[in-house]
């Protein structure tokens, strides 16, 4: 008679379990980073919401990709600094030490539409410059062979495998960029480029059909609601 409480797990061959386990059950060790090229890149990712962690998630993917030897570049809109953070950012230091990962910041001090001493016209100019730069980087990616490795120290104009357009959705949400301009960037994307767009507390419904992955980073509770300011090592 068969015991109905017996799950049968004792009959499973341990070698079969090992073969079916990611990494075959072997804990991976850190390896030297060598230039490589992804086999399955090419999706459009959108990270939006009122919660903390959109840029952090995008950079985390950037570090993961760079750890495999892929070329990653992050272009930041809307992040020019504020009096609540220091001039030196921890993420910039980390990116600077990471082979294959680079960044540039075209944001303006302060925040558009806020009485913080920053000029809205300058915000518009910086956003336009960011859009022009993004267009240039996409054109370079179209000219490059994304199925091949890139020199880890090569400029992004030589081509990248992953392009992060950080806070571009905020720029569109605030009217600094047209939504159609953001869609044009997706249309101009070469097939092998992983394109990551972040920002905006409002749902970018205009991107739902164009994107492959859409994540809503939702706030449940945040210390800023109690007056806590940005902390070194977590927010910058």
C-alpha atoms as a PDB file:
ATOM      1  CA  UNK A   1       0.000   0.000   0.000  1.00  0.00           C
ATOM      2  CA  UNK A   2       1.300   3.444  -0.895  1.00  0.00           C
ATOM      3  CA  UNK A   3       1.765   5.873   1.968  1.00  0.00           C
ATOM      4  CA  UNK A   4      -0.260   8.985   1.050  1.00  0.00           C
ATOM      5  CA  UNK A   5       2.034  11.071   3.261  1.00  0.00           C
ATOM      6  CA  UNK A   6       5.060  10.090   1.231  1.00  0.00           C
ATOM      7  CA  UNK A   7       5.958  12.879  -1.226  1.00  0.00           C
ATOM      8  CA  UNK A   8       8.324  10.654  -3.089  1.00  0.00           C
ATOM      9  CA  UNK A   9      11.244  13.014  -2.606  1.00  0.00           C
ATOM     10  CA  UNK A  10      13.390  10.157  -1.370  1.00  0.00           C
ATOM     11  CA  UNK A  11      13.105   8.559  -4.779  1.00  0.00           C
ATOM     12  CA  UNK A  12      14.595  11.557  -6.614  1.00  0.00           C
ATOM     13  CA  UNK A  13      18.129  11.052  -7.831  1.00  0.00           C
ATOM     14  CA  UNK A  14      20.409  13.688  -6.201  1.00  0.00           C
ATOM     15  CA  UNK A  15      22.337  14.012  -9.474  1.00  0.00           C
ATOM     16  CA  UNK A  16      19.106  14.910 -11.293  1.00  0.00           C
ATOM     17  CA  UNK A  17      18.417  17.590  -8.699  1.00  0.00           C
ATOM     18  CA  UNK A  18      21.919  18.969  -9.123  1.00  0.00           C
ATOM     19  CA  UNK A  19      21.625  19.106 -12.931  1.00  0.00           C
ATOM     20  CA  UNK A  20      18.289  20.939 -12.707  1.00  0.00           C
ATOM     21  CA  UNK A  21      19.539  23.507 -10.183  1.00  0.00           C
ATOM     22  CA  UNK A  22      20.769  26.857 -11.564  1.00  0.00           C
ATOM     23  CA  UNK A  23      24.537  26.724 -11.592  1.00  0.00           C
ATOM     24  CA  UNK A  24      24.243  22.950 -11.085  1.00  0.00           C
ATOM     25  CA  UNK A  25      24.177  23.500  -7.350  1.00  0.00           C
ATOM     26  CA  UNK A  26      27.660  25.007  -7.257  1.00  0.00           C
ATOM     27  CA  UNK A  27      28.042  28.343  -5.461  1.00  0.00           C
ATOM     28  CA  UNK A  28      29.738  30.700  -7.949  1.00  0.00           C
ATOM     29  CA  UNK A  29      32.898  32.577  -7.057  1.00  0.00           C
ATOM     30  CA  UNK A  30      33.791  36.071  -8.263  1.00  0.00           C
ATOM     31  CA  UNK A  31      35.734  36.003 -11.510  1.00  0.00           C
ATOM     32  CA  UNK A  32      37.875  38.498 -13.362  1.00  0.00           C
ATOM     33  CA  UNK A  33      35.751  40.747 -15.566  1.00  0.00           C
ATOM     34  CA  UNK A  34      36.586  40.332 -19.232  1.00  0.00           C
ATOM     35  CA  UNK A  35      34.886  42.067 -22.195  1.00  0.00           C
ATOM     36  CA  UNK A  36      31.911  40.066 -23.347  1.00  0.00           C
ATOM     37  CA  UNK A  37      28.622  40.495 -25.207  1.00  0.00           C
ATOM     38  CA  UNK A  38      25.094  39.540 -24.103  1.00  0.00           C
ATOM     39  CA  UNK A  39      23.112  36.949 -26.023  1.00  0.00           C
ATOM     40  CA  UNK A  40      19.601  38.042 -25.021  1.00  0.00           C
ATOM     41  CA  UNK A  41      19.625  41.806 -24.571  1.00  0.00           C
ATOM     42  CA  UNK A  42      17.245  44.052 -26.478  1.00  0.00           C
ATOM     43  CA  UNK A  43      14.264  44.748 -24.231  1.00  0.00           C
ATOM     44  CA  UNK A  44      12.814  48.070 -23.101  1.00  0.00           C
ATOM     45  CA  UNK A  45      12.396  48.414 -19.328  1.00  0.00           C
ATOM     46  CA  UNK A  46      10.342  51.088 -17.543  1.00  0.00           C
ATOM     47  CA  UNK A  47      10.682  51.744 -13.810  1.00  0.00           C
ATOM     48  CA  UNK A  48       8.228  54.259 -12.357  1.00  0.00           C
ATOM     49  CA  UNK A  49       6.351  54.919  -9.107  1.00  0.00           C
ATOM     50  CA  UNK A  50       6.306  56.967  -5.934  1.00  0.00           C
ATOM     51  CA  UNK A  51       8.601  54.583  -4.057  1.00  0.00           C
ATOM     52  CA  UNK A  52      12.319  54.743  -3.424  1.00  0.00           C
ATOM     53  CA  UNK A  53      14.504  52.489  -5.550  1.00  0.00           C
ATOM     54  CA  UNK A  54      13.918  53.146  -9.261  1.00  0.00           C
ATOM     55  CA  UNK A  55      17.402  54.477  -9.968  1.00  0.00           C
ATOM     56  CA  UNK A  56      18.857  52.008  -7.478  1.00  0.00           C
ATOM     57  CA  UNK A  57      17.279  49.088  -9.346  1.00  0.00           C
ATOM     58  CA  UNK A  58      18.513  50.382 -12.701  1.00  0.00           C
ATOM     59  CA  UNK A  59      22.048  50.802 -11.388  1.00  0.00           C
ATOM     60  CA  UNK A  60      21.894  47.363  -9.809  1.00  0.00           C
ATOM     61  CA  UNK A  61      21.158  45.865 -13.212  1.00  0.00           C
ATOM     62  CA  UNK A  62      23.937  47.986 -14.655  1.00  0.00           C
ATOM     63  CA  UNK A  63      26.427  46.567 -12.163  1.00  0.00           C
ATOM     64  CA  UNK A  64      25.207  43.045 -12.842  1.00  0.00           C
ATOM     65  CA  UNK A  65      25.603  43.503 -16.599  1.00  0.00           C
ATOM     66  CA  UNK A  66      29.022  45.118 -16.195  1.00  0.00           C
ATOM     67  CA  UNK A  67      30.025  42.209 -13.983  1.00  0.00           C
ATOM     68  CA  UNK A  68      29.520  39.945 -16.990  1.00  0.00           C
ATOM     69  CA  UNK A  69      31.780  42.175 -19.084  1.00  0.00           C
ATOM     70  CA  UNK A  70      28.991  43.989 -20.930  1.00  0.00           C
ATOM     71  CA  UNK A  71      29.315  47.704 -21.671  1.00  0.00           C
ATOM     72  CA  UNK A  72      26.857  49.867 -19.690  1.00  0.00           C
ATOM     73  CA  UNK A  73      26.230  53.608 -19.699  1.00  0.00           C
ATOM     74  CA  UNK A  74      23.893  55.671 -17.506  1.00  0.00           C
ATOM     75  CA  UNK A  75      22.703  59.095 -18.694  1.00  0.00           C
ATOM     76  CA  UNK A  76      20.991  61.062 -15.929  1.00  0.00           C
ATOM     77  CA  UNK A  77      18.268  63.647 -16.448  1.00  0.00           C
ATOM     78  CA  UNK A  78      16.906  65.782 -13.574  1.00  0.00           C
ATOM     79  CA  UNK A  79      19.621  64.821 -11.059  1.00  0.00           C
ATOM     80  CA  UNK A  80      21.716  67.940 -10.613  1.00  0.00           C
ATOM     81  CA  UNK A  81      21.839  68.005  -6.825  1.00  0.00           C
ATOM     82  CA  UNK A  82      20.168  69.776  -3.942  1.00  0.00           C
ATOM     83  CA  UNK A  83      21.201  71.217  -0.592  1.00  0.00           C
ATOM     84  CA  UNK A  84      20.245  67.938   1.087  1.00  0.00           C
ATOM     85  CA  UNK A  85      23.084  65.967  -0.542  1.00  0.00           C
ATOM     86  CA  UNK A  86      26.818  66.381  -0.865  1.00  0.00           C
ATOM     87  CA  UNK A  87      28.620  67.061  -4.127  1.00  0.00           C
ATOM     88  CA  UNK A  88      30.176  63.574  -4.121  1.00  0.00           C
ATOM     89  CA  UNK A  89      27.796  60.647  -4.720  1.00  0.00           C
ATOM     90  CA  UNK A  90      28.524  57.126  -3.633  1.00  0.00           C
ATOM     91  CA  UNK A  91      27.114  55.666  -6.843  1.00  0.00           C
ATOM     92  CA  UNK A  92      29.478  57.747  -8.970  1.00  0.00           C
ATOM     93  CA  UNK A  93      32.452  56.503  -6.975  1.00  0.00           C
ATOM     94  CA  UNK A  94      31.273  52.921  -7.385  1.00  0.00           C
ATOM     95  CA  UNK A  95      30.631  53.291 -11.115  1.00  0.00           C
ATOM     96  CA  UNK A  96      34.033  54.915 -11.548  1.00  0.00           C
ATOM     97  CA  UNK A  97      35.638  51.842  -9.993  1.00  0.00           C
ATOM     98  CA  UNK A  98      33.605  49.365 -12.084  1.00  0.00           C
ATOM     99  CA  UNK A  99      35.044  48.248 -15.422  1.00  0.00           C
ATOM    100  CA  UNK A 100      32.625  48.693 -18.303  1.00  0.00           C
ATOM    101  CA  UNK A 101      30.216  51.020 -16.464  1.00  0.00           C
ATOM    102  CA  UNK A 102      30.155  54.762 -17.135  1.00  0.00           C
ATOM    103  CA  UNK A 103      27.813  57.661 -16.439  1.00  0.00           C
ATOM    104  CA  UNK A 104      27.140  61.287 -17.217  1.00  0.00           C
ATOM    105  CA  UNK A 105      24.858  63.771 -15.489  1.00  0.00           C
ATOM    106  CA  UNK A 106      23.050  66.487 -17.432  1.00  0.00           C
ATOM    107  CA  UNK A 107      20.705  67.524 -14.633  1.00  0.00           C
ATOM    108  CA  UNK A 108      20.334  71.029 -13.209  1.00  0.00           C
ATOM    109  CA  UNK A 109      20.574  72.036  -9.556  1.00  0.00           C
ATOM    110  CA  UNK A 110      17.210  71.937  -7.802  1.00  0.00           C
ATOM    111  CA  UNK A 111      13.887  70.727  -9.198  1.00  0.00           C
ATOM    112  CA  UNK A 112      11.725  72.104 -11.987  1.00  0.00           C
ATOM    113  CA  UNK A 113       8.615  73.948 -10.831  1.00  0.00           C
ATOM    114  CA  UNK A 114       9.910  74.363  -7.268  1.00  0.00           C
ATOM    115  CA  UNK A 115      10.792  77.606  -5.481  1.00  0.00           C
ATOM    116  CA  UNK A 116      14.345  76.446  -4.818  1.00  0.00           C
ATOM    117  CA  UNK A 117      16.262  79.122  -6.678  1.00  0.00           C
ATOM    118  CA  UNK A 118      16.649  77.078  -9.853  1.00  0.00           C
ATOM    119  CA  UNK A 119      15.491  78.429 -13.204  1.00  0.00           C
ATOM    120  CA  UNK A 120      12.813  76.475 -15.073  1.00  0.00           C
ATOM    121  CA  UNK A 121      14.132  77.611 -18.436  1.00  0.00           C
ATOM    122  CA  UNK A 122      17.504  76.124 -17.570  1.00  0.00           C
ATOM    123  CA  UNK A 123      15.787  72.881 -16.580  1.00  0.00           C
ATOM    124  CA  UNK A 124      14.206  72.778 -20.026  1.00  0.00           C
ATOM    125  CA  UNK A 125      17.565  73.418 -21.684  1.00  0.00           C
ATOM    126  CA  UNK A 126      19.221  70.629 -19.701  1.00  0.00           C
ATOM    127  CA  UNK A 127      16.417  68.201 -20.518  1.00  0.00           C
ATOM    128  CA  UNK A 128      16.709  69.058 -24.211  1.00  0.00           C
ATOM    129  CA  UNK A 129      20.452  68.489 -24.005  1.00  0.00           C
ATOM    130  CA  UNK A 130      19.826  65.121 -22.391  1.00  0.00           C
ATOM    131  CA  UNK A 131      17.447  64.139 -25.162  1.00  0.00           C
ATOM    132  CA  UNK A 132      20.002  65.152 -27.791  1.00  0.00           C
ATOM    133  CA  UNK A 133      22.703  63.158 -26.012  1.00  0.00           C
ATOM    134  CA  UNK A 134      20.451  60.104 -25.746  1.00  0.00           C
ATOM    135  CA  UNK A 135      19.757  60.345 -29.471  1.00  0.00           C
ATOM    136  CA  UNK A 136      23.501  60.446 -30.152  1.00  0.00           C
ATOM    137  CA  UNK A 137      24.150  57.376 -28.004  1.00  0.00           C
ATOM    138  CA  UNK A 138      21.366  55.438 -29.712  1.00  0.00           C
ATOM    139  CA  UNK A 139      22.766  56.372 -33.114  1.00  0.00           C
ATOM    140  CA  UNK A 140      26.186  55.134 -32.011  1.00  0.00           C
ATOM    141  CA  UNK A 141      24.661  51.862 -30.793  1.00  0.00           C
ATOM    142  CA  UNK A 142      22.969  51.371 -34.160  1.00  0.00           C
ATOM    143  CA  UNK A 143      26.334  51.750 -35.886  1.00  0.00           C
ATOM    144  CA  UNK A 144      28.075  49.332 -33.522  1.00  0.00           C
ATOM    145  CA  UNK A 145      27.994  45.547 -33.578  1.00  0.00           C
ATOM    146  CA  UNK A 146      26.191  44.798 -30.311  1.00  0.00           C
ATOM    147  CA  UNK A 147      26.803  41.081 -30.684  1.00  0.00           C
ATOM    148  CA  UNK A 148      30.496  41.624 -29.971  1.00  0.00           C
ATOM    149  CA  UNK A 149      32.389  42.710 -26.840  1.00  0.00           C
ATOM    150  CA  UNK A 150      33.495  46.319 -26.388  1.00  0.00           C
ATOM    151  CA  UNK A 151      36.646  47.532 -24.713  1.00  0.00           C
ATOM    152  CA  UNK A 152      35.638  48.155 -21.106  1.00  0.00           C
ATOM    153  CA  UNK A 153      37.316  51.569 -21.137  1.00  0.00           C
ATOM    154  CA  UNK A 154      35.935  52.613 -24.519  1.00  0.00           C
ATOM    155  CA  UNK A 155      33.732  55.715 -24.661  1.00  0.00           C
ATOM    156  CA  UNK A 156      29.972  55.134 -24.947  1.00  0.00           C
ATOM    157  CA  UNK A 157      30.123  56.606 -28.445  1.00  0.00           C
ATOM    158  CA  UNK A 158      31.724  53.306 -29.493  1.00  0.00           C
ATOM    159  CA  UNK A 159      28.536  51.500 -28.503  1.00  0.00           C
ATOM    160  CA  UNK A 160      27.038  50.047 -25.334  1.00  0.00           C
ATOM    161  CA  UNK A 161      24.985  46.948 -24.565  1.00  0.00           C
ATOM    162  CA  UNK A 162      22.802  48.629 -21.914  1.00  0.00           C
ATOM    163  CA  UNK A 163      21.734  52.263 -21.828  1.00  0.00           C
ATOM    164  CA  UNK A 164      20.034  53.642 -18.705  1.00  0.00           C
ATOM    165  CA  UNK A 165      18.136  56.913 -19.177  1.00  0.00           C
ATOM    166  CA  UNK A 166      17.674  57.813 -15.552  1.00  0.00           C
ATOM    167  CA  UNK A 167      14.822  60.190 -14.595  1.00  0.00           C
ATOM    168  CA  UNK A 168      13.832  60.765 -18.222  1.00  0.00           C
ATOM    169  CA  UNK A 169      10.246  59.896 -17.293  1.00  0.00           C
ATOM    170  CA  UNK A 170      10.198  62.707 -14.738  1.00  0.00           C
ATOM    171  CA  UNK A 171      11.346  65.110 -17.449  1.00  0.00           C
ATOM    172  CA  UNK A 172       8.454  63.994 -19.657  1.00  0.00           C
ATOM    173  CA  UNK A 173       5.978  64.074 -16.762  1.00  0.00           C
ATOM    174  CA  UNK A 174       6.950  67.669 -15.988  1.00  0.00           C
ATOM    175  CA  UNK A 175       6.610  68.766 -19.585  1.00  0.00           C
ATOM    176  CA  UNK A 176      10.333  69.333 -20.089  1.00  0.00           C
ATOM    177  CA  UNK A 177      10.250  66.683 -22.829  1.00  0.00           C
ATOM    178  CA  UNK A 178       7.450  65.554 -25.110  1.00  0.00           C
ATOM    179  CA  UNK A 179       6.137  62.051 -24.528  1.00  0.00           C
ATOM    180  CA  UNK A 180       6.467  61.443 -28.256  1.00  0.00           C
ATOM    181  CA  UNK A 181      10.174  62.244 -28.005  1.00  0.00           C
ATOM    182  CA  UNK A 182      10.576  59.470 -25.452  1.00  0.00           C
ATOM    183  CA  UNK A 183       8.732  57.072 -27.747  1.00  0.00           C
ATOM    184  CA  UNK A 184      11.010  58.133 -30.596  1.00  0.00           C
ATOM    185  CA  UNK A 185      14.021  57.018 -28.553  1.00  0.00           C
ATOM    186  CA  UNK A 186      12.472  53.570 -28.209  1.00  0.00           C
ATOM    187  CA  UNK A 187      11.763  53.450 -31.934  1.00  0.00           C
ATOM    188  CA  UNK A 188      15.393  54.367 -32.658  1.00  0.00           C
ATOM    189  CA  UNK A 189      16.745  51.642 -30.374  1.00  0.00           C
ATOM    190  CA  UNK A 190      18.704  48.893 -32.141  1.00  0.00           C
ATOM    191  CA  UNK A 191      17.496  45.350 -31.546  1.00  0.00           C
ATOM    192  CA  UNK A 192      20.405  44.265 -29.343  1.00  0.00           C
ATOM    193  CA  UNK A 193      20.385  47.238 -26.962  1.00  0.00           C
ATOM    194  CA  UNK A 194      18.802  46.915 -23.512  1.00  0.00           C
ATOM    195  CA  UNK A 195      17.131  50.278 -22.853  1.00  0.00           C
ATOM    196  CA  UNK A 196      16.147  51.195 -19.289  1.00  0.00           C
ATOM    197  CA  UNK A 197      13.951  54.233 -18.537  1.00  0.00           C
ATOM    198  CA  UNK A 198      13.309  55.443 -14.981  1.00  0.00           C
ATOM    199  CA  UNK A 199      11.376  58.139 -13.146  1.00  0.00           C
ATOM    200  CA  UNK A 200       7.900  59.643 -12.716  1.00  0.00           C
ATOM    201  CA  UNK A 201       5.396  59.231  -9.907  1.00  0.00           C
ATOM    202  CA  UNK A 202       2.637  59.126 -12.537  1.00  0.00           C
ATOM    203  CA  UNK A 203       2.058  56.016 -14.625  1.00  0.00           C
ATOM    204  CA  UNK A 204       3.595  56.513 -18.086  1.00  0.00           C
ATOM    205  CA  UNK A 205       0.640  54.968 -19.911  1.00  0.00           C
ATOM    206  CA  UNK A 206       2.050  56.123 -23.241  1.00  0.00           C
ATOM    207  CA  UNK A 207       4.856  53.566 -22.798  1.00  0.00           C
ATOM    208  CA  UNK A 208       2.814  50.513 -21.886  1.00  0.00           C
ATOM    209  CA  UNK A 209       2.628  49.162 -25.436  1.00  0.00           C
ATOM    210  CA  UNK A 210       6.213  50.090 -26.300  1.00  0.00           C
ATOM    211  CA  UNK A 211       7.900  48.592 -23.227  1.00  0.00           C
ATOM    212  CA  UNK A 212       8.634  44.933 -22.508  1.00  0.00           C
ATOM    213  CA  UNK A 213       8.925  45.303 -18.740  1.00  0.00           C
ATOM    214  CA  UNK A 214       7.058  47.877 -16.636  1.00  0.00           C
ATOM    215  CA  UNK A 215       7.577  48.003 -12.867  1.00  0.00           C
ATOM    216  CA  UNK A 216       5.690  50.203 -10.419  1.00  0.00           C
ATOM    217  CA  UNK A 217       7.919  50.931  -7.425  1.00  0.00           C
ATOM    218  CA  UNK A 218       5.218  51.714  -4.872  1.00  0.00           C
ATOM    219  CA  UNK A 219       5.777  53.581  -1.621  1.00  0.00           C
ATOM    220  CA  UNK A 220       4.250  52.013   1.472  1.00  0.00           C
ATOM    221  CA  UNK A 221       6.192  54.087   3.989  1.00  0.00           C
ATOM    222  CA  UNK A 222       9.099  56.512   3.626  1.00  0.00           C
ATOM    223  CA  UNK A 223      11.098  58.416   6.272  1.00  0.00           C
ATOM    224  CA  UNK A 224      10.860  61.569   4.155  1.00  0.00           C
ATOM    225  CA  UNK A 225       7.209  61.768   5.218  1.00  0.00           C
ATOM    226  CA  UNK A 226       8.424  62.327   8.763  1.00  0.00           C
ATOM    227  CA  UNK A 227      10.897  65.009   7.746  1.00  0.00           C
ATOM    228  CA  UNK A 228      13.992  62.797   7.416  1.00  0.00           C
ATOM    229  CA  UNK A 229      16.386  64.074   4.782  1.00  0.00           C
ATOM    230  CA  UNK A 230      18.487  62.091   2.318  1.00  0.00           C
ATOM    231  CA  UNK A 231      21.127  59.953   4.044  1.00  0.00           C
ATOM    232  CA  UNK A 232      24.663  59.432   2.851  1.00  0.00           C
ATOM    233  CA  UNK A 233      25.107  55.837   1.738  1.00  0.00           C
ATOM    234  CA  UNK A 234      21.434  55.113   1.077  1.00  0.00           C
ATOM    235  CA  UNK A 235      20.039  58.026  -0.973  1.00  0.00           C
ATOM    236  CA  UNK A 236      23.361  59.360  -2.301  1.00  0.00           C
END
